[in-house]
Amino acid sequence: KAIIPYTTSQELLFTDNNGVEVLALSTPKISTVEARR
C-alpha cells in the first residue's frame, strides 16, 4: 500500500540527458476494491 508515495498532487522535477528540466504532475494515490465476476 505504501509503495506509491504520492499522497497529494505533486509537481516532480526531472532532468533529461541534455540538462533540460521536465515537469511531471502526480495525482494523489487512490485505493479501491475491484469486484471481478
PDB file of all heavy atoms in Angstrom:
ATOM      1  N   LYS A   1       0.820  -1.213   0.000  1.00  0.00           N
ATOM      2  CA  LYS A   1       0.000   0.000   0.000  1.00  0.00           C
ATOM      3  C   LYS A   1       0.853   1.262   0.000  1.00  0.00           C
ATOM      4  O   LYS A   1       0.452   2.303  -0.515  1.00  0.00           O
ATOM      5  CB  LYS A   1      -0.920   0.034   1.216  1.00  0.00           C
ATOM      6  CG  LYS A   1      -2.053  -0.948   1.163  1.00  0.00           C
ATOM      7  CD  LYS A   1      -2.879  -0.859   2.434  1.00  0.00           C
ATOM      8  CE  LYS A   1      -3.924  -1.937   2.477  1.00  0.00           C
ATOM      9  NZ  LYS A   1      -4.727  -1.904   3.698  1.00  0.00           N
ATOM     10  N   ALA A   2       2.053   1.184   0.586  1.00  0.00           N
ATOM     11  CA  ALA A   2       2.915   2.360   0.732  1.00  0.00           C
ATOM     12  C   ALA A   2       3.890   2.548  -0.430  1.00  0.00           C
ATOM     13  O   ALA A   2       4.608   3.551  -0.470  1.00  0.00           O
ATOM     14  CB  ALA A   2       3.698   2.270   2.036  1.00  0.00           C
ATOM     15  N   ILE A   3       3.943   1.625  -1.380  1.00  0.00           N
ATOM     16  CA  ILE A   3       4.914   1.727  -2.481  1.00  0.00           C
ATOM     17  C   ILE A   3       4.726   3.022  -3.268  1.00  0.00           C
ATOM     18  O   ILE A   3       5.684   3.683  -3.618  1.00  0.00           O
ATOM     19  CB  ILE A   3       4.827   0.500  -3.409  1.00  0.00           C
ATOM     20  CG1 ILE A   3       5.402  -0.722  -2.701  1.00  0.00           C
ATOM     21  CG2 ILE A   3       5.579   0.738  -4.707  1.00  0.00           C
ATOM     22  CD1 ILE A   3       5.241  -2.014  -3.481  1.00  0.00           C
ATOM     23  N   ILE A   4       3.491   3.374  -3.549  1.00  0.00           N
ATOM     24  CA  ILE A   4       3.234   4.628  -4.270  1.00  0.00           C
ATOM     25  C   ILE A   4       3.200   5.747  -3.231  1.00  0.00           C
ATOM     26  O   ILE A   4       2.307   5.778  -2.387  1.00  0.00           O
ATOM     27  CB  ILE A   4       1.914   4.563  -5.059  1.00  0.00           C
ATOM     28  CG1 ILE A   4       1.970   3.442  -6.104  1.00  0.00           C
ATOM     29  CG2 ILE A   4       1.622   5.913  -5.729  1.00  0.00           C
ATOM     30  CD1 ILE A   4       0.670   3.216  -6.844  1.00  0.00           C
ATOM     31  N   PRO A   5       4.179   6.680  -3.291  1.00  0.00           N
ATOM     32  CA  PRO A   5       4.292   7.675  -2.220  1.00  0.00           C
ATOM     33  C   PRO A   5       3.452   8.939  -2.418  1.00  0.00           C
ATOM     34  O   PRO A   5       3.447   9.805  -1.554  1.00  0.00           O
ATOM     35  CB  PRO A   5       5.781   8.030  -2.263  1.00  0.00           C
ATOM     36  CG  PRO A   5       6.138   7.902  -3.707  1.00  0.00           C
ATOM     37  CD  PRO A   5       5.314   6.748  -4.206  1.00  0.00           C
ATOM     38  N   TYR A   6       2.749   9.064  -3.523  1.00  0.00           N
ATOM     39  CA  TYR A   6       2.069  10.317  -3.858  1.00  0.00           C
ATOM     40  C   TYR A   6       0.723  10.416  -3.135  1.00  0.00           C
ATOM     41  O   TYR A   6      -0.301  10.003  -3.650  1.00  0.00           O
ATOM     42  CB  TYR A   6       1.879  10.432  -5.366  1.00  0.00           C
ATOM     43  CG  TYR A   6       3.116  10.093  -6.160  1.00  0.00           C
ATOM     44  CD1 TYR A   6       3.130   9.063  -7.085  1.00  0.00           C
ATOM     45  CD2 TYR A   6       4.296  10.812  -5.962  1.00  0.00           C
ATOM     46  CE1 TYR A   6       4.269   8.753  -7.804  1.00  0.00           C
ATOM     47  CE2 TYR A   6       5.440  10.507  -6.678  1.00  0.00           C
ATOM     48  CZ  TYR A   6       5.415   9.472  -7.596  1.00  0.00           C
ATOM     49  OH  TYR A   6       6.550   9.164  -8.305  1.00  0.00           O
ATOM     50  N   THR A   7       0.739  10.992  -1.931  1.00  0.00           N
ATOM     51  CA  THR A   7      -0.490  11.114  -1.146  1.00  0.00           C
ATOM     52  C   THR A   7      -1.275  12.376  -1.490  1.00  0.00           C
ATOM     53  O   THR A   7      -2.450  12.479  -1.185  1.00  0.00           O
ATOM     54  CB  THR A   7      -0.172  11.106   0.365  1.00  0.00           C
ATOM     55  OG1 THR A   7       0.769  12.140   0.647  1.00  0.00           O
ATOM     56  CG2 THR A   7       0.411   9.756   0.787  1.00  0.00           C
ATOM     57  N   THR A   8      -0.612  13.332  -2.132  1.00  0.00           N
ATOM     58  CA  THR A   8      -1.256  14.563  -2.600  1.00  0.00           C
ATOM     59  C   THR A   8      -0.811  14.817  -4.044  1.00  0.00           C
ATOM     60  O   THR A   8       0.136  14.195  -4.511  1.00  0.00           O
ATOM     61  CB  THR A   8      -0.841  15.785  -1.747  1.00  0.00           C
ATOM     62  OG1 THR A   8       0.572  15.968  -1.859  1.00  0.00           O
ATOM     63  CG2 THR A   8      -1.230  15.605  -0.289  1.00  0.00           C
ATOM     64  N   SER A   9      -1.465  15.738  -4.715  1.00  0.00           N
ATOM     65  CA  SER A   9      -0.984  16.148  -6.036  1.00  0.00           C
ATOM     66  C   SER A   9       0.372  16.818  -5.856  1.00  0.00           C
ATOM     67  O   SER A   9       0.530  17.652  -4.963  1.00  0.00           O
ATOM     68  CB  SER A   9      -1.957  17.124  -6.692  1.00  0.00           C
ATOM     69  OG  SER A   9      -3.186  16.494  -6.930  1.00  0.00           O
ATOM     70  N   GLN A  10       1.332  16.417  -6.668  1.00  0.00           N
ATOM     71  CA  GLN A  10       2.677  16.956  -6.530  1.00  0.00           C
ATOM     72  C   GLN A  10       3.249  17.333  -7.883  1.00  0.00           C
ATOM     73  O   GLN A  10       2.898  16.746  -8.900  1.00  0.00           O
ATOM     74  CB  GLN A  10       3.611  15.920  -5.883  1.00  0.00           C
ATOM     75  CG  GLN A  10       3.233  15.514  -4.500  1.00  0.00           C
ATOM     76  CD  GLN A  10       4.137  14.400  -3.960  1.00  0.00           C
ATOM     77  OE1 GLN A  10       5.188  14.119  -4.491  1.00  0.00           O
ATOM     78  NE2 GLN A  10       3.709  13.775  -2.884  1.00  0.00           N
ATOM     79  N   GLU A  11       4.150  18.321  -7.863  1.00  0.00           N
ATOM     80  CA  GLU A  11       4.951  18.647  -9.030  1.00  0.00           C
ATOM     81  C   GLU A  11       6.319  18.027  -8.816  1.00  0.00           C
ATOM     82  O   GLU A  11       6.989  18.310  -7.822  1.00  0.00           O
ATOM     83  CB  GLU A  11       5.074  20.164  -9.193  1.00  0.00           C
ATOM     84  CG  GLU A  11       3.771  20.841  -9.544  1.00  0.00           C
ATOM     85  CD  GLU A  11       3.937  22.338  -9.784  1.00  0.00           C
ATOM     86  OE1 GLU A  11       5.021  22.892  -9.475  1.00  0.00           O
ATOM     87  OE2 GLU A  11       2.981  22.945 -10.275  1.00  0.00           O
ATOM     88  N   LEU A  12       6.718  17.166  -9.737  1.00  0.00           N
ATOM     89  CA  LEU A  12       8.012  16.492  -9.657  1.00  0.00           C
ATOM     90  C   LEU A  12       8.889  16.987 -10.790  1.00  0.00           C
ATOM     91  O   LEU A  12       8.456  16.994 -11.945  1.00  0.00           O
ATOM     92  CB  LEU A  12       7.829  14.979  -9.757  1.00  0.00           C
ATOM     93  CG  LEU A  12       6.856  14.364  -8.757  1.00  0.00           C
ATOM     94  CD1 LEU A  12       6.531  12.930  -9.139  1.00  0.00           C
ATOM     95  CD2 LEU A  12       7.447  14.428  -7.366  1.00  0.00           C
ATOM     96  N   LEU A  13      10.112  17.384 -10.472  1.00  0.00           N
ATOM     97  CA  LEU A  13      11.015  17.933 -11.478  1.00  0.00           C
ATOM     98  C   LEU A  13      12.064  16.895 -11.855  1.00  0.00           C
ATOM     99  O   LEU A  13      12.761  16.355 -10.997  1.00  0.00           O
ATOM    100  CB  LEU A  13      11.681  19.207 -10.941  1.00  0.00           C
ATOM    101  CG  LEU A  13      12.221  20.173 -11.976  1.00  0.00           C
ATOM    102  CD1 LEU A  13      11.161  20.577 -12.989  1.00  0.00           C
ATOM    103  CD2 LEU A  13      12.771  21.413 -11.288  1.00  0.00           C
ATOM    104  N   PHE A  14      12.147  16.616 -13.142  1.00  0.00           N
ATOM    105  CA  PHE A  14      13.114  15.676 -13.696  1.00  0.00           C
ATOM    106  C   PHE A  14      14.093  16.444 -14.582  1.00  0.00           C
ATOM    107  O   PHE A  14      13.762  17.513 -15.101  1.00  0.00           O
ATOM    108  CB  PHE A  14      12.413  14.607 -14.543  1.00  0.00           C
ATOM    109  CG  PHE A  14      11.598  13.642 -13.740  1.00  0.00           C
ATOM    110  CD1 PHE A  14      10.354  13.989 -13.234  1.00  0.00           C
ATOM    111  CD2 PHE A  14      12.080  12.368 -13.485  1.00  0.00           C
ATOM    112  CE1 PHE A  14       9.611  13.100 -12.494  1.00  0.00           C
ATOM    113  CE2 PHE A  14      11.340  11.472 -12.737  1.00  0.00           C
ATOM    114  CZ  PHE A  14      10.096  11.830 -12.245  1.00  0.00           C
ATOM    115  N   THR A  15      15.276  15.897 -14.765  1.00  0.00           N
ATOM    116  CA  THR A  15      16.263  16.469 -15.684  1.00  0.00           C
ATOM    117  C   THR A  15      16.568  15.425 -16.738  1.00  0.00           C
ATOM    118  O   THR A  15      16.779  14.246 -16.417  1.00  0.00           O
ATOM    119  CB  THR A  15      17.547  16.876 -14.943  1.00  0.00           C
ATOM    120  OG1 THR A  15      17.204  17.829 -13.935  1.00  0.00           O
ATOM    121  CG2 THR A  15      18.556  17.503 -15.888  1.00  0.00           C
ATOM    122  N   ASP A  16      16.586  15.861 -18.018  1.00  0.00           N
ATOM    123  CA  ASP A  16      16.885  14.901 -19.080  1.00  0.00           C
ATOM    124  C   ASP A  16      18.384  14.845 -19.346  1.00  0.00           C
ATOM    125  O   ASP A  16      19.179  15.542 -18.695  1.00  0.00           O
ATOM    126  CB  ASP A  16      16.082  15.204 -20.343  1.00  0.00           C
ATOM    127  CG  ASP A  16      16.531  16.440 -21.109  1.00  0.00           C
ATOM    128  OD1 ASP A  16      17.586  17.035 -20.788  1.00  0.00           O
ATOM    129  OD2 ASP A  16      15.824  16.815 -22.055  1.00  0.00           O
ATOM    130  N   ASN A  17      18.809  14.042 -20.288  1.00  0.00           N
ATOM    131  CA  ASN A  17      20.217  13.834 -20.604  1.00  0.00           C
ATOM    132  C   ASN A  17      20.896  15.090 -21.139  1.00  0.00           C
ATOM    133  O   ASN A  17      22.126  15.170 -21.138  1.00  0.00           O
ATOM    134  CB  ASN A  17      20.387  12.677 -21.588  1.00  0.00           C
ATOM    135  CG  ASN A  17      19.473  12.820 -22.786  1.00  0.00           C
ATOM    136  OD1 ASN A  17      18.260  12.719 -22.637  1.00  0.00           O
ATOM    137  ND2 ASN A  17      20.038  13.067 -23.948  1.00  0.00           N
ATOM    138  N   ASN A  18      20.140  16.097 -21.558  1.00  0.00           N
ATOM    139  CA  ASN A  18      20.707  17.361 -22.038  1.00  0.00           C
ATOM    140  C   ASN A  18      20.694  18.453 -20.977  1.00  0.00           C
ATOM    141  O   ASN A  18      21.002  19.604 -21.264  1.00  0.00           O
ATOM    142  CB  ASN A  18      19.948  17.845 -23.283  1.00  0.00           C
ATOM    143  CG  ASN A  18      20.124  16.914 -24.453  1.00  0.00           C
ATOM    144  OD1 ASN A  18      21.223  16.424 -24.713  1.00  0.00           O
ATOM    145  ND2 ASN A  18      19.030  16.637 -25.160  1.00  0.00           N
ATOM    146  N   GLY A  19      20.273  18.114 -19.764  1.00  0.00           N
ATOM    147  CA  GLY A  19      20.223  19.098 -18.683  1.00  0.00           C
ATOM    148  C   GLY A  19      18.946  19.918 -18.658  1.00  0.00           C
ATOM    149  O   GLY A  19      18.827  20.861 -17.867  1.00  0.00           O
ATOM    150  N   VAL A  20      17.979  19.582 -19.488  1.00  0.00           N
ATOM    151  CA  VAL A  20      16.711  20.306 -19.548  1.00  0.00           C
ATOM    152  C   VAL A  20      15.769  19.738 -18.485  1.00  0.00           C
ATOM    153  O   VAL A  20      15.625  18.521 -18.353  1.00  0.00           O
ATOM    154  CB  VAL A  20      16.065  20.180 -20.947  1.00  0.00           C
ATOM    155  CG1 VAL A  20      14.692  20.842 -20.987  1.00  0.00           C
ATOM    156  CG2 VAL A  20      16.984  20.755 -22.007  1.00  0.00           C
ATOM    157  N   GLU A  21      15.141  20.627 -17.724  1.00  0.00           N
ATOM    158  CA  GLU A  21      14.206  20.184 -16.688  1.00  0.00           C
ATOM    159  C   GLU A  21      12.823  19.939 -17.282  1.00  0.00           C
ATOM    160  O   GLU A  21      12.345  20.714 -18.110  1.00  0.00           O
ATOM    161  CB  GLU A  21      14.148  21.204 -15.563  1.00  0.00           C
ATOM    162  CG  GLU A  21      15.448  21.258 -14.776  1.00  0.00           C
ATOM    163  CD  GLU A  21      15.382  22.139 -13.553  1.00  0.00           C
ATOM    164  OE1 GLU A  21      14.610  23.133 -13.576  1.00  0.00           O
ATOM    165  OE2 GLU A  21      16.090  21.843 -12.580  1.00  0.00           O
ATOM    166  N   VAL A  22      12.220  18.848 -16.848  1.00  0.00           N
ATOM    167  CA  VAL A  22      10.906  18.441 -17.331  1.00  0.00           C
ATOM    168  C   VAL A  22      10.009  18.223 -16.113  1.00  0.00           C
ATOM    169  O   VAL A  22      10.369  17.497 -15.189  1.00  0.00           O
ATOM    170  CB  VAL A  22      10.999  17.141 -18.168  1.00  0.00           C
ATOM    171  CG1 VAL A  22       9.623  16.701 -18.637  1.00  0.00           C
ATOM    172  CG2 VAL A  22      11.940  17.340 -19.350  1.00  0.00           C
ATOM    173  N   LEU A  23       8.836  18.834 -16.135  1.00  0.00           N
ATOM    174  CA  LEU A  23       7.903  18.763 -15.011  1.00  0.00           C
ATOM    175  C   LEU A  23       6.927  17.610 -15.199  1.00  0.00           C
ATOM    176  O   LEU A  23       6.401  17.379 -16.286  1.00  0.00           O
ATOM    177  CB  LEU A  23       7.119  20.078 -14.913  1.00  0.00           C
ATOM    178  CG  LEU A  23       6.113  20.196 -13.769  1.00  0.00           C
ATOM    179  CD1 LEU A  23       6.837  20.224 -12.427  1.00  0.00           C
ATOM    180  CD2 LEU A  23       5.273  21.445 -13.956  1.00  0.00           C
ATOM    181  N   ALA A  24       6.680  16.896 -14.118  1.00  0.00           N
ATOM    182  CA  ALA A  24       5.647  15.853 -14.090  1.00  0.00           C
ATOM    183  C   ALA A  24       4.677  16.190 -12.965  1.00  0.00           C
ATOM    184  O   ALA A  24       5.082  16.655 -11.903  1.00  0.00           O
ATOM    185  CB  ALA A  24       6.269  14.482 -13.852  1.00  0.00           C
ATOM    186  N   LEU A  25       3.412  15.960 -13.208  1.00  0.00           N
ATOM    187  CA  LEU A  25       2.383  16.179 -12.193  1.00  0.00           C
ATOM    188  C   LEU A  25       1.826  14.830 -11.773  1.00  0.00           C
ATOM    189  O   LEU A  25       1.470  13.999 -12.618  1.00  0.00           O
ATOM    190  CB  LEU A  25       1.265  17.058 -12.742  1.00  0.00           C
ATOM    191  CG  LEU A  25       1.679  18.444 -13.234  1.00  0.00           C
ATOM    192  CD1 LEU A  25       0.492  19.163 -13.870  1.00  0.00           C
ATOM    193  CD2 LEU A  25       2.236  19.256 -12.090  1.00  0.00           C
ATOM    194  N   SER A  26       1.745  14.625 -10.461  1.00  0.00           N
ATOM    195  CA  SER A  26       1.199  13.366  -9.954  1.00  0.00           C
ATOM    196  C   SER A  26      -0.196  13.605  -9.391  1.00  0.00           C
ATOM    197  O   SER A  26      -0.512  14.688  -8.916  1.00  0.00           O
ATOM    198  CB  SER A  26       2.104  12.779  -8.867  1.00  0.00           C
ATOM    199  OG  SER A  26       1.991  13.534  -7.680  1.00  0.00           O
ATOM    200  N   THR A  27      -0.991  12.559  -9.442  1.00  0.00           N
ATOM    201  CA  THR A  27      -2.284  12.601  -8.776  1.00  0.00           C
ATOM    202  C   THR A  27      -2.126  11.917  -7.429  1.00  0.00           C
ATOM    203  O   THR A  27      -1.247  11.068  -7.263  1.00  0.00           O
ATOM    204  CB  THR A  27      -3.364  11.862  -9.596  1.00  0.00           C
ATOM    205  OG1 THR A  27      -2.986  10.491  -9.733  1.00  0.00           O
ATOM    206  CG2 THR A  27      -3.551  12.505 -10.958  1.00  0.00           C
ATOM    207  N   PRO A  28      -2.957  12.268  -6.452  1.00  0.00           N
ATOM    208  CA  PRO A  28      -2.891  11.548  -5.177  1.00  0.00           C
ATOM    209  C   PRO A  28      -3.250  10.076  -5.415  1.00  0.00           C
ATOM    210  O   PRO A  28      -4.123   9.780  -6.227  1.00  0.00           O
ATOM    211  CB  PRO A  28      -3.942  12.215  -4.307  1.00  0.00           C
ATOM    212  CG  PRO A  28      -4.376  13.439  -5.022  1.00  0.00           C
ATOM    213  CD  PRO A  28      -3.982  13.301  -6.452  1.00  0.00           C
ATOM    214  N   LYS A  29      -2.577   9.188  -4.711  1.00  0.00           N
ATOM    215  CA  LYS A  29      -2.908   7.773  -4.890  1.00  0.00           C
ATOM    216  C   LYS A  29      -4.310   7.514  -4.350  1.00  0.00           C
ATOM    217  O   LYS A  29      -4.755   8.154  -3.398  1.00  0.00           O
ATOM    218  CB  LYS A  29      -1.877   6.868  -4.228  1.00  0.00           C
ATOM    219  CG  LYS A  29      -1.864   6.875  -2.723  1.00  0.00           C
ATOM    220  CD  LYS A  29      -0.820   5.898  -2.211  1.00  0.00           C
ATOM    221  CE  LYS A  29      -0.630   6.044  -0.718  1.00  0.00           C
ATOM    222  NZ  LYS A  29       0.439   5.165  -0.234  1.00  0.00           N
ATOM    223  N   ILE A  30      -4.991   6.610  -5.014  1.00  0.00           N
ATOM    224  CA  ILE A  30      -6.323   6.223  -4.576  1.00  0.00           C
ATOM    225  C   ILE A  30      -6.326   4.721  -4.316  1.00  0.00           C
ATOM    226  O   ILE A  30      -5.610   3.961  -4.963  1.00  0.00           O
ATOM    227  CB  ILE A  30      -7.420   6.607  -5.587  1.00  0.00           C
ATOM    228  CG1 ILE A  30      -7.137   6.005  -6.955  1.00  0.00           C
ATOM    229  CG2 ILE A  30      -7.577   8.105  -5.690  1.00  0.00           C
ATOM    230  CD1 ILE A  30      -8.293   6.120  -7.923  1.00  0.00           C
ATOM    231  N   SER A  31      -7.126   4.327  -3.368  1.00  0.00           N
ATOM    232  CA  SER A  31      -7.262   2.920  -3.026  1.00  0.00           C
ATOM    233  C   SER A  31      -8.677   2.495  -3.374  1.00  0.00           C
ATOM    234  O   SER A  31      -9.639   3.171  -3.009  1.00  0.00           O
ATOM    235  CB  SER A  31      -6.988   2.721  -1.536  1.00  0.00           C
ATOM    236  OG  SER A  31      -7.106   1.364  -1.197  1.00  0.00           O
ATOM    237  N   THR A  32      -8.795   1.384  -4.104  1.00  0.00           N
ATOM    238  CA  THR A  32     -10.101   0.879  -4.499  1.00  0.00           C
ATOM    239  C   THR A  32     -10.151  -0.630  -4.288  1.00  0.00           C
ATOM    240  O   THR A  32      -9.121  -1.285  -4.175  1.00  0.00           O
ATOM    241  CB  THR A  32     -10.402   1.178  -5.982  1.00  0.00           C
ATOM    242  OG1 THR A  32      -9.380   0.589  -6.796  1.00  0.00           O
ATOM    243  CG2 THR A  32     -10.472   2.665  -6.251  1.00  0.00           C
ATOM    244  N   VAL A  33     -11.357  -1.149  -4.268  1.00  0.00           N
ATOM    245  CA  VAL A  33     -11.567  -2.590  -4.250  1.00  0.00           C
ATOM    246  C   VAL A  33     -12.403  -2.906  -5.484  1.00  0.00           C
ATOM    247  O   VAL A  33     -13.528  -2.426  -5.636  1.00  0.00           O
ATOM    248  CB  VAL A  33     -12.277  -3.053  -2.967  1.00  0.00           C
ATOM    249  CG1 VAL A  33     -12.584  -4.546  -3.049  1.00  0.00           C
ATOM    250  CG2 VAL A  33     -11.431  -2.743  -1.751  1.00  0.00           C
ATOM    251  N   GLU A  34     -11.817  -3.706  -6.372  1.00  0.00           N
ATOM    252  CA  GLU A  34     -12.492  -4.081  -7.606  1.00  0.00           C
ATOM    253  C   GLU A  34     -13.191  -5.422  -7.407  1.00  0.00           C
ATOM    254  O   GLU A  34     -12.624  -6.353  -6.836  1.00  0.00           O
ATOM    255  CB  GLU A  34     -11.458  -4.207  -8.735  1.00  0.00           C
ATOM    256  CG  GLU A  34     -12.049  -4.622 -10.055  1.00  0.00           C
ATOM    257  CD  GLU A  34     -10.998  -4.861 -11.127  1.00  0.00           C
ATOM    258  OE1 GLU A  34      -9.815  -4.574 -10.904  1.00  0.00           O
ATOM    259  OE2 GLU A  34     -11.381  -5.364 -12.188  1.00  0.00           O
ATOM    260  N   ALA A  35     -14.416  -5.510  -7.868  1.00  0.00           N
ATOM    261  CA  ALA A  35     -15.167  -6.762  -7.792  1.00  0.00           C
ATOM    262  C   ALA A  35     -15.146  -7.411  -9.172  1.00  0.00           C
ATOM    263  O   ALA A  35     -15.646  -6.845 -10.138  1.00  0.00           O
ATOM    264  CB  ALA A  35     -16.602  -6.492  -7.352  1.00  0.00           C
ATOM    265  N   ARG A  36     -14.550  -8.588  -9.259  1.00  0.00           N
ATOM    266  CA  ARG A  36     -14.475  -9.325 -10.526  1.00  0.00           C
ATOM    267  C   ARG A  36     -15.382 -10.543 -10.452  1.00  0.00           C
ATOM    268  O   ARG A  36     -15.380 -11.277  -9.480  1.00  0.00           O
ATOM    269  CB  ARG A  36     -13.045  -9.787 -10.802  1.00  0.00           C
ATOM    270  CG  ARG A  36     -12.095  -8.651 -11.078  1.00  0.00           C
ATOM    271  CD  ARG A  36     -10.732  -9.184 -11.466  1.00  0.00           C
ATOM    272  NE  ARG A  36      -9.765  -8.099 -11.589  1.00  0.00           N
ATOM    273  CZ  ARG A  36      -8.471  -8.295 -11.779  1.00  0.00           C
ATOM    274  NH1 ARG A  36      -7.978  -9.517 -11.850  1.00  0.00           N
ATOM    275  NH2 ARG A  36      -7.663  -7.264 -11.873  1.00  0.00           N
ATOM    276  N   ARG A  37     -16.113 -10.752 -11.538  1.00  0.00           N
ATOM    277  CA  ARG A  37     -17.001 -11.915 -11.628  1.00  0.00           C
ATOM    278  C   ARG A  37     -16.311 -13.011 -12.445  1.00  0.00           C
ATOM    279  O   ARG A  37     -15.507 -12.727 -13.314  1.00  0.00           O
ATOM    280  CB  ARG A  37     -18.307 -11.539 -12.311  1.00  0.00           C
ATOM    281  CG  ARG A  37     -19.133 -10.569 -11.511  1.00  0.00           C
ATOM    282  CD  ARG A  37     -20.476 -10.300 -12.219  1.00  0.00           C
ATOM    283  NE  ARG A  37     -21.241  -9.328 -11.468  1.00  0.00           N
ATOM    284  CZ  ARG A  37     -21.960  -9.617 -10.393  1.00  0.00           C
ATOM    285  NH1 ARG A  37     -22.031 -10.850  -9.958  1.00  0.00           N
ATOM    286  NH2 ARG A  37     -22.622  -8.686  -9.754  1.00  0.00           N
TER     287      ARG A  37
END
